Amino acid sequence: MGTITNGNELDKPVETVVGGRYIEMEQDGGQKTVKSRLSGLLWHGGSAYDAWFSCASNQVAQVLLTLPYSFSQLGIMSGIMFQLFYGIMGSWTAYLISILYLEYRTRKEREKTDFRNHVIQWFEVLDGLLGKHWRNVGLAFNCTFLLFGSVIQLIACASNIYYINDKLDKRTWTYIFGACCATTVFIPSFHNYRIWSFLGLVMTTYTAWYLTIASLLHGQMEGVKHSGPTKMVLYFTGATNILYTFGGHAVTVEIMHAMWRPQKFKAIYLIATLYVLTLTLPSATSVYWAFGDALLTHSNAFALLPRNAFRDVAVVLMLIHQFITFGFACTPLYFVWEKFIGLHDCKSMCKRAAARLPVVIPIWFLAIIFPFFGPINSAVGSLLVSFTVYIIPALAHMVTFRSAHARENAVEQPPKFTGRWIGAYLINAFVVAWVLVVGFGFGGWASMTNFVHQINTFGLFTKCYQCPPALSPSTFANPPLPNNVHNFTSPFTLAPAPAPAPVSFFLNHHHHHHGN
């Protein structure tokens, strides 16, 4: 899997240039010990499969739990259409990023640059191809996006664990998980995520099918309404959350750099996206079918499903997955920080780990200030993802290849089925226009309106976001809606659902926040 092919063994002339100098990827020669074989199996990955696992497991994560919430805002048809549309658009811009990376790397290697102890990042690709202004813009958007991406993982950890153990409030859980996630400073690079990204994909697959089956077995709750879409604000907030779902390729360059043969990356993201759609479409559709408008005040799908062993397993798996995704989002930030303080080529992992710690502190702090699981995804999607992974790559591709000379000497020509250069140019122009108007314009307005509404309703530093209100002893004595309790047990329930769950749900549902 991790073998290196010499340039002269390749029969394609284009790949000879790129494929010849992957020295920095080679493992040390000599006999393979059991230890090195084991580390190769679990730890040191660089194959196309590893890249696929990394892309697919990095793409969904906690968004799986907020997509039903987006469907309740968008309605079923728009929800499905936006997923397919943004899935294709995301695959296209990931393809552009991979082309620009190969272009940059090939040019640099012709100049005999050595990347042995250096991880190429997106902002360096922009710098090498388009100059320092592009680099600064790319760096600003990418870092802010990855910073908030990491914040979202922490919020999601606290939001999920609360459904297993509500003895501590969500804010306290955020403190605890912040400390756990800080251990990602010890993972050197994306080579070392082989076992993690494989497990991550297994976890999201389990959770997606659990959500689907549990919702179908639960059946529609009494009086279920599917009134979406009702408000422009909600419609564009939901659409932007889906834009965010398929904008998980801010780490594409780092994942490609960890491959033995980055040229193979081109279709990987598309295949990963197709797989992800088999998880997101059934789960979001069935949860929305079962719970309808109730999802508008429950941005985490776990909140509505009856508690049983299957749900607890899903929660635990998502927690581990969020830890992995935190590492995915944070590792590029660690690299940027190391380059900034001049420690990136340092051999000692302990020194590097210590130097990386300051990156985790602001993430921890922000997760405690804005614990709005769901709305924060849309805000990040519209203001950061729109530029980071859609607009900037499309513009960069257009500008890099604007001259005939650049197009003739391109390492990689655009595919025939997209209409070569003219087709690529038109697609890029469409992506930029669409994302600017719909994603950033309408989406930015809607998600910030929703976000400010959450701040006004719950306040900053809120202790427990969207938690059921505390129940007084008299409520337990006379539950207001005893005939509805049967709704919350299903054939899928192993243990009977705890009594407070339905009661708290109905209380929470009546104490509805109107603007949401």
Protein backbone atom coordinates (compact mmCIF):
# COMPACT_ATOMS: atom_id res chain seq x y z
CA MET A 1 0.00 0.00 0.00
CA GLY A 2 2.75 2.39 0.92
CA THR A 3 5.24 1.50 -1.80
CA ILE A 4 7.06 4.20 -3.68
CA THR A 5 7.19 4.02 -7.43
CA ASN A 6 10.12 5.64 -9.12
CA GLY A 7 9.34 8.22 -11.76
CA ASN A 8 10.91 6.16 -14.56
CA GLU A 9 8.60 3.23 -13.90
CA LEU A 10 5.58 5.39 -14.63
CA ASP A 11 4.42 5.39 -18.18
CA LYS A 12 2.48 8.66 -18.04
CA PRO A 13 4.71 11.60 -18.92
CA VAL A 14 2.85 14.06 -16.68
CA GLU A 15 3.34 11.93 -13.61
CA THR A 16 7.06 11.48 -14.18
CA VAL A 17 7.71 14.99 -12.95
CA VAL A 18 5.55 14.71 -9.90
CA GLY A 19 5.99 11.04 -9.13
CA GLY A 20 9.75 11.01 -9.13
CA ARG A 21 10.72 12.86 -6.00
CA TYR A 22 8.66 11.44 -3.16
CA ILE A 23 11.77 10.88 -1.07
CA GLU A 24 10.32 12.45 2.04
CA MET A 25 7.58 9.84 2.06
CA GLU A 26 9.91 6.84 2.00
CA GLN A 27 10.19 4.73 5.08
CA ASP A 28 13.62 3.81 6.36
CA GLY A 29 15.17 0.89 4.56
CA GLY A 30 16.40 -2.27 6.21
CA GLN A 31 14.53 -5.22 7.65
CA LYS A 32 11.00 -4.59 8.88
CA THR A 33 10.59 -5.43 12.54
CA VAL A 34 7.27 -6.52 14.05
CA LYS A 35 7.06 -3.08 15.64
CA SER A 36 7.57 -1.22 12.36
CA ARG A 37 5.01 -3.47 10.64
CA LEU A 38 2.47 -2.84 13.37
CA SER A 39 3.09 0.89 13.25
CA GLY A 40 2.73 0.71 9.47
CA LEU A 41 -0.58 -1.04 9.84
CA LEU A 42 -2.11 1.21 12.52
CA TRP A 43 -0.25 4.45 12.37
CA HIS A 44 1.76 5.31 9.31
CA GLY A 45 -0.67 5.64 6.42
CA GLY A 46 -0.20 7.29 3.07
CA SER A 47 -2.23 5.28 0.59
CA ALA A 48 -5.26 6.33 -1.45
CA TYR A 49 -7.41 4.32 0.99
CA ASP A 50 -6.08 6.34 3.92
CA ALA A 51 -6.90 9.56 2.11
CA TRP A 52 -10.40 8.26 1.40
CA PHE A 53 -10.97 7.33 5.04
CA SER A 54 -9.63 10.71 6.14
CA CYS A 55 -11.90 12.60 3.74
CA ALA A 56 -15.02 10.58 4.46
CA SER A 57 -14.66 10.49 8.24
CA ASN A 58 -13.70 14.16 8.37
CA GLN A 59 -16.69 15.22 6.30
CA VAL A 60 -19.63 14.31 8.48
CA ALA A 61 -18.84 13.98 12.21
CA GLN A 62 -21.24 16.00 14.41
CA VAL A 63 -23.04 17.54 11.38
CA LEU A 64 -24.84 14.20 11.14
CA LEU A 65 -26.71 15.20 14.30
CA THR A 66 -27.67 18.69 13.07
CA LEU A 67 -28.85 17.75 9.56
CA PRO A 68 -32.36 16.74 10.77
CA TYR A 69 -32.53 20.21 12.37
CA SER A 70 -31.61 21.69 8.96
CA PHE A 71 -34.32 19.59 7.29
CA SER A 72 -36.89 21.01 9.74
CA GLN A 73 -35.84 24.49 8.59
CA LEU A 74 -35.69 23.66 4.86
CA GLY A 75 -38.41 21.09 4.33
CA ILE A 76 -37.70 17.66 2.85
CA MET A 77 -37.32 18.48 -0.85
CA SER A 78 -34.98 21.42 -0.38
CA GLY A 79 -33.00 19.43 2.18
CA ILE A 80 -32.31 16.60 -0.25
CA MET A 81 -31.63 18.92 -3.21
CA PHE A 82 -29.16 21.06 -1.25
CA GLN A 83 -27.29 17.96 -0.05
CA LEU A 84 -26.85 16.67 -3.60
CA PHE A 85 -26.01 20.12 -4.97
CA TYR A 86 -23.46 21.05 -2.31
CA GLY A 87 -22.02 17.51 -2.39
CA ILE A 88 -21.16 17.95 -6.09
CA MET A 89 -19.96 21.52 -5.60
CA GLY A 90 -17.76 20.49 -2.67
CA SER A 91 -16.21 17.69 -4.72
CA TRP A 92 -15.45 20.13 -7.53
CA THR A 93 -13.66 22.64 -5.30
CA ALA A 94 -11.75 19.83 -3.54
CA TYR A 95 -10.62 18.76 -7.04
CA LEU A 96 -9.47 22.35 -7.74
CA ILE A 97 -7.51 22.45 -4.49
CA SER A 98 -5.79 19.17 -5.41
CA ILE A 99 -4.87 20.52 -8.89
CA LEU A 100 -3.41 23.72 -7.41
CA TYR A 101 -1.44 21.67 -4.87
CA LEU A 102 0.08 19.48 -7.61
CA GLU A 103 0.88 22.58 -9.68
CA TYR A 104 2.64 24.27 -6.77
CA ARG A 105 4.51 21.16 -5.70
CA THR A 106 5.69 20.36 -9.21
CA ARG A 107 6.97 23.89 -9.78
CA LYS A 108 8.81 23.84 -6.44
CA GLU A 109 10.34 20.42 -7.03
CA ARG A 110 11.61 21.56 -10.42
CA GLU A 111 13.45 24.24 -8.43
CA LYS A 112 14.84 21.41 -6.24
CA THR A 113 12.88 22.37 -3.09
CA ASP A 114 12.92 19.60 -0.50
CA PHE A 115 9.76 18.92 1.50
CA ARG A 116 11.25 16.21 3.68
CA ASN A 117 10.46 17.81 7.04
CA HIS A 118 7.82 20.20 5.84
CA VAL A 119 4.08 19.81 5.45
CA ILE A 120 2.75 21.87 2.55
CA GLN A 121 -0.35 23.86 3.46
CA TRP A 122 -3.02 25.67 1.46
CA PHE A 123 -1.74 29.16 2.23
CA GLU A 124 1.73 28.18 0.94
CA VAL A 125 0.15 26.90 -2.28
CA LEU A 126 -1.59 30.29 -2.69
CA ASP A 127 1.66 32.09 -1.85
CA GLY A 128 3.70 30.09 -4.37
CA LEU A 129 1.17 30.42 -7.19
CA LEU A 130 -0.38 33.85 -6.60
CA GLY A 131 1.71 35.87 -4.16
CA LYS A 132 1.53 37.12 -0.60
CA HIS A 133 -1.86 38.91 -0.67
CA TRP A 134 -3.59 35.67 -1.64
CA ARG A 135 -1.56 33.88 1.00
CA ASN A 136 -2.70 36.30 3.74
CA VAL A 137 -6.38 36.09 2.78
CA GLY A 138 -6.22 32.29 2.50
CA LEU A 139 -4.41 32.01 5.82
CA ALA A 140 -6.87 34.29 7.63
CA PHE A 141 -9.95 32.41 6.39
CA ASN A 142 -8.46 28.96 6.80
CA CYS A 143 -7.19 29.50 10.33
CA THR A 144 -10.41 31.14 11.51
CA PHE A 145 -12.47 28.34 9.96
CA LEU A 146 -10.32 25.59 11.51
CA LEU A 147 -10.36 27.41 14.85
CA PHE A 148 -14.17 27.48 14.87
CA GLY A 149 -14.29 23.97 13.42
CA SER A 150 -12.40 22.83 16.53
CA VAL A 151 -14.70 24.92 18.76
CA ILE A 152 -17.73 23.18 17.21
CA GLN A 153 -16.25 19.75 18.02
CA LEU A 154 -15.86 20.73 21.68
CA ILE A 155 -19.42 22.06 21.88
CA ALA A 156 -20.63 18.85 20.24
CA CYS A 157 -18.76 16.71 22.78
CA ALA A 158 -20.45 18.47 25.68
CA SER A 159 -23.84 18.43 23.95
CA ASN A 160 -23.63 14.67 23.33
CA ILE A 161 -22.25 13.44 26.67
CA TYR A 162 -25.07 15.29 28.40
CA TYR A 163 -27.53 12.79 26.90
CA ILE A 164 -25.78 9.98 28.76
CA ASN A 165 -24.84 11.78 31.97
CA ASP A 166 -26.75 14.93 32.89
CA LYS A 167 -25.37 15.14 36.43
CA LEU A 168 -22.93 17.75 35.15
CA ASP A 169 -24.09 20.66 33.01
CA LYS A 170 -22.83 21.09 29.44
CA ARG A 171 -20.39 23.85 30.36
CA THR A 172 -18.59 21.62 32.88
CA TRP A 173 -18.39 18.88 30.24
CA THR A 174 -16.80 21.43 27.88
CA TYR A 175 -14.03 22.07 30.44
CA ILE A 176 -13.41 18.33 30.75
CA PHE A 177 -13.36 17.65 26.99
CA GLY A 178 -11.17 20.67 26.35
CA ALA A 179 -8.54 19.01 28.49
CA CYS A 180 -8.99 15.66 26.68
CA CYS A 181 -8.78 17.22 23.22
CA ALA A 182 -5.58 19.03 24.17
CA THR A 183 -3.84 15.64 23.90
CA THR A 184 -4.05 15.89 20.08
CA VAL A 185 -0.88 18.01 20.30
CA PHE A 186 1.01 14.70 20.42
CA ILE A 187 -0.17 13.46 16.98
CA PRO A 188 2.60 14.54 14.56
CA SER A 189 0.79 14.72 11.19
CA PHE A 190 -1.95 13.30 8.96
CA HIS A 191 0.19 10.22 8.26
CA ASN A 192 -0.64 9.19 11.78
CA TYR A 193 -4.42 9.17 11.50
CA ARG A 194 -4.72 5.83 9.69
CA ILE A 195 -6.44 3.84 12.45
CA TRP A 196 -8.31 6.92 13.68
CA SER A 197 -9.88 7.88 10.37
CA PHE A 198 -10.87 4.25 9.75
CA LEU A 199 -12.56 4.07 13.16
CA GLY A 200 -14.11 7.49 12.60
CA LEU A 201 -15.88 6.26 9.50
CA VAL A 202 -17.14 3.13 11.26
CA MET A 203 -18.53 5.38 14.01
CA THR A 204 -20.41 7.80 11.75
CA THR A 205 -21.77 4.87 9.73
CA TYR A 206 -23.15 3.25 12.89
CA THR A 207 -24.64 6.52 14.15
CA ALA A 208 -26.27 7.38 10.81
CA TRP A 209 -27.96 3.99 10.57
CA TYR A 210 -28.91 4.06 14.25
CA LEU A 211 -30.67 7.44 13.68
CA THR A 212 -32.43 6.06 10.60
CA ILE A 213 -33.64 2.78 12.12
CA ALA A 214 -34.51 4.22 15.56
CA SER A 215 -36.63 6.98 13.95
CA LEU A 216 -38.46 4.53 11.67
CA LEU A 217 -39.18 2.15 14.56
CA HIS A 218 -40.22 5.00 16.83
CA GLY A 219 -42.71 6.12 14.17
CA GLN A 220 -44.15 9.59 13.89
CA MET A 221 -44.75 11.28 17.22
CA GLU A 222 -48.31 12.32 18.04
CA GLY A 223 -49.45 15.48 16.28
CA VAL A 224 -46.26 15.69 14.19
CA LYS A 225 -46.12 18.68 11.84
CA HIS A 226 -43.79 19.20 8.88
CA SER A 227 -44.32 22.87 8.24
CA GLY A 228 -40.84 23.78 6.85
CA PRO A 229 -39.92 25.98 5.13
CA THR A 230 -41.75 28.78 6.94
CA LYS A 231 -39.25 31.62 7.37
CA MET A 232 -36.52 32.98 5.11
CA VAL A 233 -34.17 33.20 8.10
CA LEU A 234 -34.60 29.51 8.90
CA TYR A 235 -34.47 28.44 5.27
CA PHE A 236 -31.08 30.01 4.61
CA THR A 237 -29.73 28.96 8.01
CA GLY A 238 -30.51 25.36 7.10
CA ALA A 239 -29.05 25.69 3.61
CA THR A 240 -25.84 27.11 5.07
CA ASN A 241 -25.50 24.21 7.51
CA ILE A 242 -25.52 21.90 4.48
CA LEU A 243 -22.95 24.14 2.76
CA TYR A 244 -20.85 23.62 5.90
CA THR A 245 -21.41 19.83 5.80
CA PHE A 246 -19.84 19.49 2.35
CA GLY A 247 -17.18 22.12 3.02
CA GLY A 248 -15.05 19.80 5.09
CA HIS A 249 -12.12 20.06 2.70
CA ALA A 250 -10.18 22.83 4.42
CA VAL A 251 -7.59 20.16 5.26
CA THR A 252 -7.40 18.71 1.73
CA VAL A 253 -3.84 19.90 1.16
CA GLU A 254 -2.59 18.37 4.41
CA ILE A 255 -4.35 15.07 3.64
CA MET A 256 -2.87 15.05 0.11
CA HIS A 257 0.58 15.84 1.41
CA ALA A 258 0.38 12.76 3.64
CA MET A 259 -0.19 10.54 0.58
CA TRP A 260 2.56 8.57 -1.09
CA ARG A 261 1.17 9.57 -4.49
CA PRO A 262 -0.92 12.77 -4.24
CA GLN A 263 -1.87 12.61 -7.96
CA LYS A 264 -4.28 9.84 -7.02
CA PHE A 265 -6.32 12.22 -4.91
CA LYS A 266 -8.46 13.68 -7.71
CA ALA A 267 -11.51 11.42 -7.48
CA ILE A 268 -11.08 10.43 -3.83
CA TYR A 269 -13.09 13.32 -2.47
CA LEU A 270 -15.97 12.65 -4.86
CA ILE A 271 -16.12 8.97 -3.86
CA ALA A 272 -15.97 9.99 -0.19
CA THR A 273 -18.85 12.44 -0.76
CA LEU A 274 -20.98 9.77 -2.46
CA TYR A 275 -20.46 7.50 0.53
CA VAL A 276 -21.30 10.32 2.95
CA LEU A 277 -24.59 10.94 1.10
CA THR A 278 -25.60 7.32 1.83
CA LEU A 279 -25.32 8.25 5.52
CA THR A 280 -26.75 11.77 5.61
CA LEU A 281 -29.80 11.42 3.36
CA PRO A 282 -31.49 8.42 5.07
CA SER A 283 -30.73 9.64 8.62
CA ALA A 284 -31.84 13.26 8.17
CA THR A 285 -34.96 12.26 6.23
CA SER A 286 -36.15 9.63 8.70
CA VAL A 287 -35.50 11.71 11.84
CA TYR A 288 -37.38 14.64 10.27
CA TRP A 289 -40.22 12.31 9.23
CA ALA A 290 -40.55 11.06 12.82
CA PHE A 291 -40.24 14.34 14.73
CA GLY A 292 -41.03 17.14 12.28
CA ASP A 293 -41.15 20.64 13.77
CA ALA A 294 -39.97 19.45 17.20
CA LEU A 295 -36.46 19.53 15.69
CA LEU A 296 -36.62 23.34 15.41
CA THR A 297 -35.91 23.62 19.15
CA HIS A 298 -33.69 20.52 19.32
CA SER A 299 -30.65 21.00 17.12
CA ASN A 300 -29.10 17.73 18.34
CA ALA A 301 -31.01 14.71 16.97
CA PHE A 302 -30.07 12.64 20.05
CA ALA A 303 -32.31 14.90 22.18
CA LEU A 304 -35.52 13.43 20.74
CA LEU A 305 -34.74 9.72 20.50
CA PRO A 306 -35.59 7.43 23.42
CA ARG A 307 -32.69 6.55 25.63
CA ASN A 308 -31.51 2.96 25.31
CA ALA A 309 -28.31 0.97 24.85
CA PHE A 310 -28.19 1.65 21.09
CA ARG A 311 -28.43 5.39 21.61
CA ASP A 312 -25.76 5.32 24.33
CA VAL A 313 -23.41 3.45 21.98
CA ALA A 314 -24.07 6.06 19.26
CA VAL A 315 -23.35 8.90 21.71
CA VAL A 316 -20.08 7.32 22.87
CA LEU A 317 -18.97 6.63 19.30
CA MET A 318 -19.75 10.22 18.27
CA LEU A 319 -17.75 11.47 21.26
CA ILE A 320 -14.69 9.52 20.17
CA HIS A 321 -15.26 10.69 16.60
CA GLN A 322 -15.44 14.31 17.72
CA PHE A 323 -12.10 13.89 19.44
CA ILE A 324 -10.65 12.62 16.12
CA THR A 325 -12.26 15.45 14.14
CA PHE A 326 -10.92 17.94 16.67
CA GLY A 327 -7.46 16.59 15.83
CA PHE A 328 -8.21 16.89 12.10
CA ALA A 329 -9.27 20.52 12.42
CA CYS A 330 -6.53 21.45 14.83
CA THR A 331 -3.50 19.77 13.23
CA PRO A 332 -3.23 22.32 10.37
CA LEU A 333 -3.44 25.09 13.01
CA TYR A 334 -0.59 23.42 14.89
CA PHE A 335 1.47 23.41 11.68
CA VAL A 336 0.80 27.12 11.04
CA TRP A 337 1.72 27.97 14.62
CA GLU A 338 4.92 25.85 14.46
CA LYS A 339 5.96 27.62 11.24
CA PHE A 340 5.20 30.97 12.86
CA ILE A 341 7.44 30.32 15.88
CA GLY A 342 10.06 28.46 13.82
CA LEU A 343 9.66 24.97 15.33
CA HIS A 344 8.08 23.16 12.36
CA ASP A 345 11.19 21.17 11.43
CA CYS A 346 12.06 20.36 15.04
CA LYS A 347 12.72 16.62 15.52
CA SER A 348 11.57 16.44 19.15
CA MET A 349 7.86 15.67 19.35
CA CYS A 350 7.72 16.72 23.02
CA LYS A 351 9.05 20.19 22.21
CA ARG A 352 6.54 20.52 19.38
CA ALA A 353 3.68 19.31 21.59
CA ALA A 354 4.52 21.86 24.27
CA ALA A 355 4.75 24.61 21.65
CA ARG A 356 1.33 23.63 20.25
CA LEU A 357 -0.57 24.03 23.55
CA PRO A 358 -1.32 27.78 23.16
CA VAL A 359 -3.45 26.89 20.10
CA VAL A 360 -5.89 24.88 22.24
CA ILE A 361 -6.56 27.64 24.84
CA PRO A 362 -8.59 30.08 22.65
CA ILE A 363 -10.59 27.13 21.23
CA TRP A 364 -11.52 26.04 24.73
CA PHE A 365 -12.50 29.59 25.70
CA LEU A 366 -14.68 30.16 22.61
CA ALA A 367 -16.53 26.86 23.14
CA ILE A 368 -17.50 28.06 26.61
CA ILE A 369 -18.68 31.50 25.36
CA PHE A 370 -20.80 30.27 22.40
CA PRO A 371 -22.20 26.82 23.22
CA PHE A 372 -24.90 27.06 20.52
CA PHE A 373 -24.82 23.60 18.97
CA GLY A 374 -26.43 23.85 15.51
CA PRO A 375 -26.68 27.61 14.94
CA ILE A 376 -22.89 27.97 15.18
CA ASN A 377 -22.46 25.49 12.29
CA SER A 378 -24.51 27.74 10.01
CA ALA A 379 -22.68 30.89 11.09
CA VAL A 380 -19.29 29.26 10.43
CA GLY A 381 -20.61 27.86 7.15
CA SER A 382 -21.78 31.17 5.75
CA LEU A 383 -18.98 33.47 6.94
CA LEU A 384 -15.94 31.18 6.75
CA VAL A 385 -16.57 27.95 4.80
CA SER A 386 -18.05 29.90 1.88
CA PHE A 387 -14.72 31.65 1.27
CA THR A 388 -12.27 29.06 2.57
CA VAL A 389 -13.31 26.08 0.49
CA TYR A 390 -15.58 27.41 -2.27
CA ILE A 391 -14.83 31.00 -3.36
CA ILE A 392 -11.04 31.21 -2.81
CA PRO A 393 -10.15 27.86 -4.54
CA ALA A 394 -12.40 28.68 -7.54
CA LEU A 395 -10.94 32.20 -7.91
CA ALA A 396 -7.39 30.93 -7.37
CA HIS A 397 -7.83 28.34 -10.13
CA MET A 398 -9.16 31.00 -12.54
CA VAL A 399 -6.33 33.43 -11.79
CA THR A 400 -3.53 30.82 -11.78
CA PHE A 401 -4.45 29.58 -15.25
CA ARG A 402 -5.58 32.86 -16.80
CA SER A 403 -2.62 33.03 -19.23
CA ALA A 404 -2.32 30.70 -22.24
CA HIS A 405 1.23 29.86 -21.10
CA ALA A 406 0.02 28.65 -17.69
CA ARG A 407 -2.74 26.58 -19.30
CA GLU A 408 -0.34 24.90 -21.77
CA ASN A 409 2.16 24.03 -19.06
CA ALA A 410 -0.41 22.94 -16.46
CA VAL A 411 0.55 19.70 -14.73
CA GLU A 412 -3.09 18.63 -14.99
CA GLN A 413 -5.62 19.60 -17.69
CA PRO A 414 -9.30 19.94 -16.66
CA PRO A 415 -11.33 16.81 -17.49
CA LYS A 416 -13.01 16.46 -20.87
CA PHE A 417 -16.51 15.96 -19.49
CA THR A 418 -16.45 19.42 -17.86
CA GLY A 419 -15.54 21.11 -21.14
CA ARG A 420 -11.78 21.55 -20.57
CA TRP A 421 -10.62 25.11 -19.73
CA ILE A 422 -13.74 26.98 -20.85
CA GLY A 423 -15.98 24.58 -18.94
CA ALA A 424 -13.80 24.80 -15.82
CA TYR A 425 -13.85 28.60 -16.03
CA LEU A 426 -17.66 28.70 -16.31
CA ILE A 427 -18.13 26.24 -13.42
CA ASN A 428 -15.75 28.29 -11.26
CA ALA A 429 -17.57 31.53 -12.10
CA PHE A 430 -20.88 29.88 -11.16
CA VAL A 431 -19.47 28.55 -7.86
CA VAL A 432 -18.13 31.98 -6.91
CA ALA A 433 -21.39 33.78 -7.80
CA TRP A 434 -23.68 31.22 -6.14
CA VAL A 435 -21.73 30.92 -2.90
CA LEU A 436 -21.22 34.68 -2.66
CA VAL A 437 -24.92 35.47 -3.06
CA VAL A 438 -26.68 32.44 -1.53
CA GLY A 439 -24.05 31.12 0.89
CA PHE A 440 -22.37 34.27 2.14
CA GLY A 441 -25.09 36.87 1.43
CA PHE A 442 -28.42 35.26 2.35
CA GLY A 443 -26.76 32.58 4.48
CA GLY A 444 -24.67 35.11 6.42
CA TRP A 445 -27.68 37.30 7.11
CA ALA A 446 -29.85 34.35 8.18
CA SER A 447 -27.32 32.51 10.32
CA MET A 448 -26.16 35.67 12.11
CA THR A 449 -29.80 36.65 12.80
CA ASN A 450 -30.38 33.15 14.23
CA PHE A 451 -27.08 33.28 16.16
CA VAL A 452 -27.90 36.66 17.75
CA HIS A 453 -31.34 35.27 18.62
CA GLN A 454 -29.63 32.38 20.48
CA ILE A 455 -27.44 34.87 22.39
CA ASN A 456 -30.52 36.93 23.33
CA THR A 457 -32.48 33.84 24.37
CA PHE A 458 -29.78 31.92 26.25
CA GLY A 459 -26.99 34.44 26.89
CA LEU A 460 -23.24 34.04 26.44
CA PHE A 461 -21.44 31.52 28.67
CA THR A 462 -24.81 29.78 29.08
CA LYS A 463 -24.49 26.84 31.45
CA CYS A 464 -26.72 24.38 29.65
CA TYR A 465 -27.85 25.17 26.10
CA GLN A 466 -31.26 23.69 25.11
CA CYS A 467 -31.38 21.51 28.23
CA PRO A 468 -34.84 20.49 29.46
CA PRO A 469 -36.05 22.79 32.29
CA ALA A 470 -35.63 21.43 35.81
CA LEU A 471 -38.70 19.50 36.93
CA SER A 472 -40.29 20.09 40.32
CA PRO A 473 -41.32 17.06 42.46
CA SER A 474 -45.02 17.84 41.84
CA THR A 475 -44.48 17.39 38.10
CA PHE A 476 -43.37 13.82 38.73
CA ALA A 477 -46.45 13.21 40.90
CA ASN A 478 -48.86 14.45 38.21
CA PRO A 479 -47.24 14.21 34.79
CA PRO A 480 -49.23 16.58 32.55
CA LEU A 481 -49.31 14.33 29.48
CA PRO A 482 -49.40 10.72 30.65
CA ASN A 483 -51.14 9.45 27.51
CA ASN A 484 -48.22 10.59 25.36
CA VAL A 485 -45.60 8.66 27.24
CA HIS A 486 -46.05 5.60 25.04
CA ASN A 487 -44.72 7.69 22.16
CA PHE A 488 -41.30 7.56 23.64
CA THR A 489 -40.89 3.84 23.88
CA SER A 490 -40.37 1.83 20.75
CA PRO A 491 -39.47 -1.69 19.68
CA PHE A 492 -35.95 -0.30 19.52
CA THR A 493 -35.93 0.44 23.25
CA LEU A 494 -33.98 -2.03 25.32
CA ALA A 495 -34.70 -0.47 28.69
CA PRO A 496 -37.91 1.48 29.30
CA ALA A 497 -37.35 5.19 28.61
CA PRO A 498 -36.86 7.16 31.87
CA ALA A 499 -40.05 8.97 32.89
CA PRO A 500 -38.62 12.53 32.86
CA ALA A 501 -37.65 12.30 29.18
CA PRO A 502 -41.10 12.68 27.60
CA VAL A 503 -42.28 15.11 30.26
CA SER A 504 -39.22 17.31 29.87
CA PHE A 505 -39.55 17.14 26.11
CA PHE A 506 -43.14 18.38 26.18
CA LEU A 507 -42.31 21.10 28.68
CA ASN A 508 -39.41 22.15 26.57
CA HIS A 509 -41.59 22.05 23.47
CA HIS A 510 -44.23 24.34 24.99
CA HIS A 511 -41.63 26.76 26.22
CA HIS A 512 -40.88 27.33 22.50
CA HIS A 513 -38.57 30.15 21.43
CA HIS A 514 -40.65 31.86 18.83
CA GLY A 515 -37.93 33.32 16.70
CA ASN A 516 -36.16 30.03 16.25
